[in-house]
C-alpha atoms as a PDB file:
ATOM      1  CA  MET A   1     201.570  33.486  82.188  1.00  0.00           C
ATOM      2  CA  ARG A   2     201.612  32.270  78.599  1.00  0.00           C
ATOM      3  CA  LEU A   3     199.282  33.374  75.816  1.00  0.00           C
ATOM      4  CA  PHE A   4     199.650  32.073  72.263  1.00  0.00           C
ATOM      5  CA  GLY A   5     203.101  30.770  73.181  1.00  0.00           C
ATOM      6  CA  LEU A   6     204.306  34.138  74.494  1.00  0.00           C
ATOM      7  CA  HIS A   7     205.492  34.662  78.047  1.00  0.00           C
ATOM      8  CA  LEU A   8     203.579  37.599  79.544  1.00  0.00           C
ATOM      9  CA  PRO A   9     204.103  39.361  82.874  1.00  0.00           C
ATOM     10  CA  PRO A  10     201.406  38.457  85.426  1.00  0.00           C
ATOM     11  CA  ASN A  11     200.094  42.023  85.762  1.00  0.00           C
ATOM     12  CA  LEU A  12     199.808  42.740  82.012  1.00  0.00           C
ATOM     13  CA  PHE A  13     196.014  42.571  82.042  1.00  0.00           C
ATOM     14  CA  GLN A  14     195.520  44.590  85.225  1.00  0.00           C
ATOM     15  CA  PHE A  15     194.698  48.292  85.234  1.00  0.00           C
ATOM     16  CA  ALA A  16     196.279  50.647  87.747  1.00  0.00           C
ATOM     17  CA  SER A  17     192.878  52.193  88.443  1.00  0.00           C
ATOM     18  CA  GLU A  18     189.324  52.446  87.199  1.00  0.00           C
ATOM     19  CA  LYS A  19     190.263  55.788  85.670  1.00  0.00           C
ATOM     20  CA  GLN A  20     193.074  54.130  83.690  1.00  0.00           C
ATOM     21  CA  ARG A  21     190.759  51.325  82.549  1.00  0.00           C
ATOM     22  CA  ARG A  22     188.230  53.834  81.247  1.00  0.00           C
ATOM     23  CA  ALA A  23     190.941  55.880  79.505  1.00  0.00           C
ATOM     24  CA  ASP A  24     192.272  52.748  77.793  1.00  0.00           C
ATOM     25  CA  TYR A  25     188.792  51.748  76.616  1.00  0.00           C
ATOM     26  CA  VAL A  26     188.129  55.247  75.269  1.00  0.00           C
ATOM     27  CA  ALA A  27     191.473  55.246  73.452  1.00  0.00           C
ATOM     28  CA  CYS A  28     190.694  51.833  71.968  1.00  0.00           C
ATOM     29  CA  PHE A  29     187.121  52.487  70.850  1.00  0.00           C
ATOM     30  CA  SER A  30     187.264  56.198  69.911  1.00  0.00           C
ATOM     31  CA  THR A  31     188.875  55.611  66.509  1.00  0.00           C
ATOM     32  CA  PRO A  32     186.771  54.784  63.421  1.00  0.00           C
ATOM     33  CA  PHE A  33     188.192  51.243  63.522  1.00  0.00           C
ATOM     34  CA  GLY A  34     187.369  50.956  67.231  1.00  0.00           C
ATOM     35  CA  GLN A  35     183.836  52.241  66.639  1.00  0.00           C
ATOM     36  CA  ARG A  36     183.262  49.538  64.005  1.00  0.00           C
ATOM     37  CA  VAL A  37     184.577  46.873  66.375  1.00  0.00           C
ATOM     38  CA  LEU A  38     182.409  48.161  69.246  1.00  0.00           C
ATOM     39  CA  ASP A  39     179.349  48.237  66.978  1.00  0.00           C
ATOM     40  CA  ASP A  40     180.060  44.639  65.964  1.00  0.00           C
ATOM     41  CA  ILE A  41     180.430  43.597  69.626  1.00  0.00           C
ATOM     42  CA  LEU A  42     177.108  45.248  70.495  1.00  0.00           C
ATOM     43  CA  ARG A  43     175.283  43.694  67.533  1.00  0.00           C
ATOM     44  CA  ARG A  44     176.670  40.179  68.050  1.00  0.00           C
ATOM     45  CA  ASN A  45     175.891  40.202  71.762  1.00  0.00           C
ATOM     46  CA  PHE A  46     172.230  41.181  71.769  1.00  0.00           C
ATOM     47  CA  VAL A  47     172.554  44.888  72.646  1.00  0.00           C
ATOM     48  CA  ILE A  48     171.552  46.242  69.215  1.00  0.00           C
ATOM     49  CA  GLY A  49     169.007  44.621  66.949  1.00  0.00           C
ATOM     50  CA  TYR A  50     168.306  41.282  68.617  1.00  0.00           C
ATOM     51  CA  LEU A  51     166.686  39.949  71.750  1.00  0.00           C
ATOM     52  CA  ALA A  52     168.587  37.571  74.010  1.00  0.00           C
ATOM     53  CA  VAL A  53     165.578  35.203  74.057  1.00  0.00           C
ATOM     54  CA  HIS A  54     165.832  31.890  72.233  1.00  0.00           C
ATOM     55  CA  LEU A  55     162.893  29.644  71.376  1.00  0.00           C
ATOM     56  CA  ASP A  56     163.303  25.889  71.040  1.00  0.00           C
ATOM     57  CA  SER A  57     161.667  23.804  68.306  1.00  0.00           C
ATOM     58  CA  GLN A  58     158.330  23.896  70.182  1.00  0.00           C
ATOM     59  CA  ASN A  59     158.386  27.710  70.546  1.00  0.00           C
ATOM     60  CA  ARG A  60     159.277  27.570  74.228  1.00  0.00           C
ATOM     61  CA  ILE A  61     161.895  29.810  75.783  1.00  0.00           C
ATOM     62  CA  ASP A  62     165.101  27.912  76.536  1.00  0.00           C
ATOM     63  CA  PRO A  63     166.274  29.383  79.883  1.00  0.00           C
ATOM     64  CA  SER A  64     169.838  28.075  79.580  1.00  0.00           C
ATOM     65  CA  ILE A  65     170.333  29.838  76.236  1.00  0.00           C
ATOM     66  CA  VAL A  66     168.725  33.009  77.616  1.00  0.00           C
ATOM     67  CA  LEU A  67     171.179  32.996  80.538  1.00  0.00           C
ATOM     68  CA  LEU A  68     174.130  32.463  78.210  1.00  0.00           C
ATOM     69  CA  ASN A  69     172.983  35.299  75.937  1.00  0.00           C
ATOM     70  CA  GLU A  70     172.382  37.621  78.884  1.00  0.00           C
ATOM     71  CA  GLY A  71     175.953  37.004  80.037  1.00  0.00           C
ATOM     72  CA  ARG A  72     177.219  37.976  76.603  1.00  0.00           C
ATOM     73  CA  ARG A  73     174.956  41.028  76.591  1.00  0.00           C
ATOM     74  CA  SER A  74     176.143  42.087  80.040  1.00  0.00           C
ATOM     75  CA  LEU A  75     179.792  41.923  78.974  1.00  0.00           C
ATOM     76  CA  ALA A  76     179.098  43.927  75.795  1.00  0.00           C
ATOM     77  CA  LEU A  77     177.298  46.597  77.837  1.00  0.00           C
ATOM     78  CA  ASP A  78     180.210  46.738  80.276  1.00  0.00           C
ATOM     79  CA  ILE A  79     182.612  47.337  77.380  1.00  0.00           C
ATOM     80  CA  ALA A  80     180.358  50.029  75.916  1.00  0.00           C
ATOM     81  CA  ARG A  81     180.154  51.927  79.183  1.00  0.00           C
END
């Protein structure tokens, strides 16, 4: 697998277990820097401060944008857990 021109082993992005995944996330987001990044992720992905609803120019809900935003929100919530 190649990422940004670097050759990476195929299992680099796999966790040995759910316990290891959680430990890695805690290690990443428990620092002050990590907390700022997590807060930014939550704010930009409709968990804190904004609704995932989007109105078009005629004040109607655009379901395709709502679905896209809900996907982003779901991922941000998964990271935060």
